[in-house]
Every structure is written in structure tokens, then in C-alpha cells.
Amino acid sequence: MKFKAIISIMPLKQLLDPQGKAVTASMKNIGLAEITNVRIGKNITLEIEAEGEKEAKEKVDLACKKLLVNQIMEDYTFEIIS
């Protein structure tokens, strides 16, 4: 079966997010001071060939841990769609 994964990668909450800080500061300049604490991450979609959803989840988790995510600085979540 073919599955699709949607992966969300974000900087760890305890780490500074320079891009998010810059965007947060810019919100005031465009009249949106009520928007604060912007965090900027990555969104990845991919397709997986697997026998079932459990195997697809295992493959995506392994891809995240070995290649897609820097676990020292980032956290991730993902969703599998049939």
C-alpha cells in the first residue's frame, strides 16, 4: 500500500528561534503587535510504500531520526494518511 506522511519539524521550545524572533518583531511594524511568540519550522510531505500503517509509521519515524530531524535542536510530529 502507498501512504502519505505529513511531517512537522519545529525548533525545541527551550531554544532561541532567531527567524521567529525577527518575524515577531516585524509584526509590530505592520500593525499586528497582538501576534507574539512566532516559531518557524519546516513541513515535509513524502510517500511511503508499506504493507500497513504501522510499518509506514516505523519507516517515517526512522527517516526523521536518521536524516530529516536534528534531534539536538528540533522536535517533530507526523501524520500518516492512507
C-alpha atoms as a PDB file:
ATOM      1  CA  MET A   1       0.000   0.000   0.000  1.00  0.00           C
ATOM      2  CA  LYS A   2       1.040   3.565  -0.530  1.00  0.00           C
ATOM      3  CA  PHE A   3       0.798   6.036   2.347  1.00  0.00           C
ATOM      4  CA  LYS A   4       1.464   9.738   2.612  1.00  0.00           C
ATOM      5  CA  ALA A   5       3.200  11.302   5.609  1.00  0.00           C
ATOM      6  CA  ILE A   6       2.990  14.926   6.700  1.00  0.00           C
ATOM      7  CA  ILE A   7       5.907  15.778   8.995  1.00  0.00           C
ATOM      8  CA  SER A   8       6.120  18.936  11.097  1.00  0.00           C
ATOM      9  CA  ILE A   9       9.578  19.899  12.407  1.00  0.00           C
ATOM     10  CA  MET A  10       9.952  22.720  14.925  1.00  0.00           C
ATOM     11  CA  PRO A  11      12.834  24.110  16.962  1.00  0.00           C
ATOM     12  CA  LEU A  12      12.847  22.846  20.540  1.00  0.00           C
ATOM     13  CA  LYS A  13      10.831  25.196  22.765  1.00  0.00           C
ATOM     14  CA  GLN A  14      13.785  25.844  25.069  1.00  0.00           C
ATOM     15  CA  LEU A  15      15.973  27.046  22.163  1.00  0.00           C
ATOM     16  CA  LEU A  16      16.041  30.511  20.663  1.00  0.00           C
ATOM     17  CA  ASP A  17      14.346  30.750  17.258  1.00  0.00           C
ATOM     18  CA  PRO A  18      16.073  33.701  15.505  1.00  0.00           C
ATOM     19  CA  GLN A  19      13.713  33.606  12.497  1.00  0.00           C
ATOM     20  CA  GLY A  20      10.680  33.539  14.763  1.00  0.00           C
ATOM     21  CA  LYS A  21      12.070  36.436  16.827  1.00  0.00           C
ATOM     22  CA  ALA A  22      12.611  38.508  13.686  1.00  0.00           C
ATOM     23  CA  VAL A  23       9.087  37.818  12.432  1.00  0.00           C
ATOM     24  CA  THR A  24       7.615  38.572  15.872  1.00  0.00           C
ATOM     25  CA  ALA A  25       9.418  41.931  15.909  1.00  0.00           C
ATOM     26  CA  SER A  26       8.193  42.693  12.389  1.00  0.00           C
ATOM     27  CA  MET A  27       4.574  42.094  13.389  1.00  0.00           C
ATOM     28  CA  LYS A  28       4.664  45.343  15.376  1.00  0.00           C
ATOM     29  CA  ASN A  29       5.913  47.215  12.290  1.00  0.00           C
ATOM     30  CA  ILE A  30       2.918  46.121  10.230  1.00  0.00           C
ATOM     31  CA  GLY A  31       0.337  46.869  12.905  1.00  0.00           C
ATOM     32  CA  LEU A  32      -0.052  43.359  14.307  1.00  0.00           C
ATOM     33  CA  ALA A  33       1.503  43.789  17.748  1.00  0.00           C
ATOM     34  CA  GLU A  34      -1.029  41.337  19.205  1.00  0.00           C
ATOM     35  CA  ILE A  35       0.763  38.479  17.373  1.00  0.00           C
ATOM     36  CA  THR A  36       3.636  37.231  19.541  1.00  0.00           C
ATOM     37  CA  ASN A  37       5.925  34.251  20.073  1.00  0.00           C
ATOM     38  CA  VAL A  38       6.204  33.264  16.408  1.00  0.00           C
ATOM     39  CA  ARG A  39       8.110  29.993  15.866  1.00  0.00           C
ATOM     40  CA  ILE A  40       9.234  28.953  12.394  1.00  0.00           C
ATOM     41  CA  GLY A  41       9.791  25.341  11.404  1.00  0.00           C
ATOM     42  CA  LYS A  42       9.641  23.005   8.422  1.00  0.00           C
ATOM     43  CA  ASN A  43       6.868  20.952   6.865  1.00  0.00           C
ATOM     44  CA  ILE A  44       7.772  17.846   4.842  1.00  0.00           C
ATOM     45  CA  THR A  45       5.463  15.531   2.893  1.00  0.00           C
ATOM     46  CA  LEU A  46       6.526  12.190   1.484  1.00  0.00           C
ATOM     47  CA  GLU A  47       5.085   8.938   0.201  1.00  0.00           C
ATOM     48  CA  ILE A  48       5.860   5.526   1.687  1.00  0.00           C
ATOM     49  CA  GLU A  49       5.303   2.074   0.291  1.00  0.00           C
ATOM     50  CA  ALA A  50       4.429  -0.236   3.208  1.00  0.00           C
ATOM     51  CA  GLU A  51       2.248  -3.242   3.998  1.00  0.00           C
ATOM     52  CA  GLY A  52       0.288  -1.381   6.656  1.00  0.00           C
ATOM     53  CA  GLU A  53       0.024   1.849   8.624  1.00  0.00           C
ATOM     54  CA  LYS A  54       2.174   0.534  11.482  1.00  0.00           C
ATOM     55  CA  GLU A  55       5.069  -0.212   9.103  1.00  0.00           C
ATOM     56  CA  ALA A  56       4.619   3.170   7.418  1.00  0.00           C
ATOM     57  CA  LYS A  57       4.851   4.919  10.807  1.00  0.00           C
ATOM     58  CA  GLU A  58       8.009   2.989  11.671  1.00  0.00           C
ATOM     59  CA  LYS A  59       9.643   3.959   8.362  1.00  0.00           C
ATOM     60  CA  VAL A  60       8.744   7.645   8.737  1.00  0.00           C
ATOM     61  CA  ASP A  61       9.966   7.702  12.330  1.00  0.00           C
ATOM     62  CA  LEU A  62      13.267   6.140  11.248  1.00  0.00           C
ATOM     63  CA  ALA A  63      13.653   8.637   8.373  1.00  0.00           C
ATOM     64  CA  CYS A  64      13.051  11.505  10.806  1.00  0.00           C
ATOM     65  CA  LYS A  65      15.546  10.213  13.353  1.00  0.00           C
ATOM     66  CA  LYS A  66      18.282   9.327  10.848  1.00  0.00           C
ATOM     67  CA  LEU A  67      18.002  12.096   8.250  1.00  0.00           C
ATOM     68  CA  LEU A  68      15.253  14.693   8.424  1.00  0.00           C
ATOM     69  CA  VAL A  69      15.445  15.987  12.010  1.00  0.00           C
ATOM     70  CA  ASN A  70      18.347  17.328  14.069  1.00  0.00           C
ATOM     71  CA  GLN A  71      17.144  15.935  17.395  1.00  0.00           C
ATOM     72  CA  ILE A  72      19.570  18.107  19.336  1.00  0.00           C
ATOM     73  CA  MET A  73      17.772  21.257  18.147  1.00  0.00           C
ATOM     74  CA  GLU A  74      14.426  20.113  16.716  1.00  0.00           C
ATOM     75  CA  ASP A  75      11.314  18.174  17.626  1.00  0.00           C
ATOM     76  CA  TYR A  76       8.913  16.512  15.183  1.00  0.00           C
ATOM     77  CA  THR A  77       5.449  15.103  14.805  1.00  0.00           C
ATOM     78  CA  PHE A  78       3.904  13.355  11.838  1.00  0.00           C
ATOM     79  CA  GLU A  79       0.613  12.108  10.499  1.00  0.00           C
ATOM     80  CA  ILE A  80       0.088   9.155   8.179  1.00  0.00           C
ATOM     81  CA  ILE A  81      -2.662   9.361   5.556  1.00  0.00           C
ATOM     82  CA  SER A  82      -3.794   6.275   3.608  1.00  0.00           C
END
